[in-house]
Protein backbone atom coordinates (compact mmCIF):
# COMPACT_ATOMS: atom_id res chain seq x y z
CA MET A 1 10.04 45.34 7.52
CA THR A 2 7.73 46.03 4.61
CA PRO A 3 4.63 43.78 3.92
CA ALA A 4 6.29 42.62 0.71
CA ILE A 5 9.33 41.29 2.63
CA VAL A 6 7.30 39.58 5.25
CA GLY A 7 5.05 38.00 2.48
CA GLY A 8 8.16 36.79 0.55
CA ILE A 9 9.61 35.19 3.82
CA VAL A 10 6.23 33.46 4.47
CA ALA A 11 6.07 32.18 0.88
CA VAL A 12 9.67 30.70 1.11
CA VAL A 13 8.80 29.07 4.45
CA VAL A 14 5.63 27.57 3.04
CA VAL A 15 7.48 26.18 -0.02
CA LEU A 16 10.28 24.70 2.16
CA LEU A 17 7.76 23.03 4.45
CA ALA A 18 5.77 21.60 1.56
CA GLY A 19 9.02 20.31 0.04
CA LEU A 20 9.98 18.60 3.36
CA ALA A 21 6.49 17.05 3.69
CA TRP A 22 6.70 15.73 0.14
CA ALA A 23 10.18 14.28 0.77
CA ALA A 24 9.03 12.71 4.00
CA VAL A 25 6.00 11.04 2.31
CA ARG A 26 8.17 9.76 -0.57
CA MET A 27 10.82 8.25 1.72
CA ARG A 28 8.19 6.49 3.81
CA ARG A 29 6.32 4.95 0.83
CA VAL A 30 7.44 1.41 0.36
CA VAL A 31 7.91 0.44 -3.35
CA LYS A 32 7.10 -3.23 -3.74
CA ILE A 33 7.97 -5.87 -6.31
CA GLU A 34 4.54 -6.09 -7.87
CA THR A 35 4.61 -9.29 -9.95
CA PRO A 36 6.72 -12.37 -10.55
CA GLU A 37 7.16 -11.27 -14.12
CA GLU A 38 8.89 -8.07 -12.89
CA ALA A 39 11.28 -10.19 -10.82
CA ALA A 40 11.85 -12.52 -13.80
CA ASP A 41 12.52 -9.68 -16.25
CA ALA A 42 15.08 -8.20 -13.77
CA ALA A 43 16.83 -11.50 -13.37
CA GLN A 44 17.05 -12.10 -17.09
CA ALA A 45 18.40 -8.75 -17.68
CA GLN A 46 21.09 -8.68 -14.96
CA LEU A 47 22.33 -12.35 -15.02
CA PRO A 48 23.78 -13.39 -18.32
CA GLY A 49 22.32 -16.74 -19.63
CA PHE A 50 19.69 -16.81 -16.88
CA ALA A 51 16.50 -18.10 -18.67
CA VAL A 52 13.80 -17.79 -15.94
CA ALA A 53 11.46 -20.79 -15.69
CA GLY A 54 9.42 -19.37 -12.81
CA ALA A 55 9.40 -16.68 -10.04
CA VAL A 56 7.68 -16.05 -6.76
CA VAL A 57 7.22 -12.78 -4.88
CA GLY A 58 6.70 -12.53 -1.14
CA ALA A 59 3.37 -11.23 0.21
CA ASP A 60 4.76 -7.95 1.25
CA GLY A 61 6.50 -7.39 -2.14
CA GLN A 62 10.04 -6.95 -0.63
CA GLY A 63 11.71 -9.95 -1.95
CA ALA A 64 11.50 -12.44 -4.72
CA LEU A 65 13.04 -15.61 -6.15
CA ALA A 66 13.67 -16.32 -9.77
CA ILE A 67 14.56 -19.88 -10.87
CA ALA A 68 16.14 -20.70 -14.13
CA ALA A 69 15.36 -23.67 -16.40
CA ASP A 70 18.89 -25.07 -15.58
CA GLY A 71 18.31 -25.00 -11.79
CA ARG A 72 20.08 -21.79 -10.98
CA VAL A 73 18.32 -19.55 -8.47
CA ALA A 74 18.44 -15.80 -7.96
CA ALA A 75 17.42 -13.53 -5.14
CA VAL A 76 15.63 -10.37 -6.09
CA ARG A 77 15.17 -7.30 -3.82
CA ARG A 78 14.09 -3.71 -4.50
CA ILE A 79 16.73 -1.15 -3.39
CA GLY A 80 15.35 2.26 -3.96
CA LYS A 81 13.75 2.37 -7.51
CA ARG A 82 15.83 -0.49 -8.96
CA LEU A 83 15.68 -4.26 -8.45
CA ALA A 84 18.97 -5.85 -7.27
CA VAL A 85 19.49 -9.39 -8.39
CA ARG A 86 22.15 -11.85 -7.05
CA GLU A 87 22.57 -15.51 -8.12
CA VAL A 88 22.70 -17.58 -4.95
CA SER A 89 23.13 -21.27 -4.20
CA TRP A 90 20.24 -23.46 -3.24
CA ARG A 91 21.91 -24.09 0.23
CA THR A 92 21.22 -20.36 1.08
CA VAL A 93 17.41 -20.73 0.53
CA ARG A 94 15.71 -21.87 3.84
CA ALA A 95 12.24 -22.04 5.19
CA THR A 96 11.32 -20.07 8.39
CA GLN A 97 7.90 -19.60 10.17
CA ASP A 98 7.51 -16.28 8.40
CA GLY A 99 8.40 -17.56 4.93
CA ILE A 100 11.41 -18.16 2.81
CA LEU A 101 14.72 -16.61 3.91
CA VAL A 102 17.67 -16.25 1.41
CA GLU A 103 21.01 -15.31 2.92
CA THR A 104 22.83 -13.79 0.00
CA GLY A 105 26.09 -13.03 1.69
CA ASP A 106 26.05 -9.66 -0.21
CA ARG A 107 26.34 -6.51 2.10
CA ALA A 108 24.37 -4.34 -0.31
CA LEU A 109 21.57 -6.82 -0.84
CA GLY A 110 21.57 -8.47 2.58
CA ALA A 111 19.14 -11.22 3.48
CA VAL A 112 16.07 -11.58 1.26
CA MET A 113 12.81 -12.59 2.93
CA LEU A 114 9.77 -13.84 1.03
CA ALA A 115 7.01 -13.27 3.37
CA GLN A 116 4.23 -16.09 3.42
CA VAL A 117 5.96 -18.18 0.75
CA ASP A 118 6.44 -21.86 1.77
CA VAL A 119 8.53 -24.68 0.60
CA LEU A 120 5.81 -26.12 -1.55
CA ASP A 121 5.72 -22.91 -3.57
CA ILE A 122 9.48 -23.25 -4.21
CA ARG A 123 9.29 -26.95 -5.12
CA ARG A 124 6.54 -26.20 -7.72
CA LEU A 125 9.05 -23.80 -9.44
CA ALA A 126 12.30 -25.70 -9.13
CA PRO A 127 13.24 -27.96 -12.02
CA LYS A 128 12.90 -31.80 -11.42
CA SER A 129 16.63 -32.18 -11.41
CA VAL A 130 17.09 -29.83 -8.33
CA ARG A 131 16.31 -31.29 -4.95
CA VAL A 132 14.72 -28.63 -2.70
């Protein structure tokens, strides 16, 4: 083998390892829902006639709730780079020790957890006509 061939093989191996390292770091990085406004915009864009009155995001940024002025509620969760939004009933929203849990019943979305959010946070957002 000539030095040029060995150098080429080494260069290819280095490029492949760098690509694998980049992919591993990118896959491990958790993308969060940054603000309630981001969750509200996603809910308004994906649900027809959903005029958001307020939204709340869990402390870990993995889940959010958007509440419409007419009392409807939507669970928001980041799946990859996009935000998935599903309208749910108030009966699926419940408090746990870790925060608010929304059981969407949707296989793709799954259960949405709002870490360190409590019932008082949700009551502040809900319209007066809705009993939380």
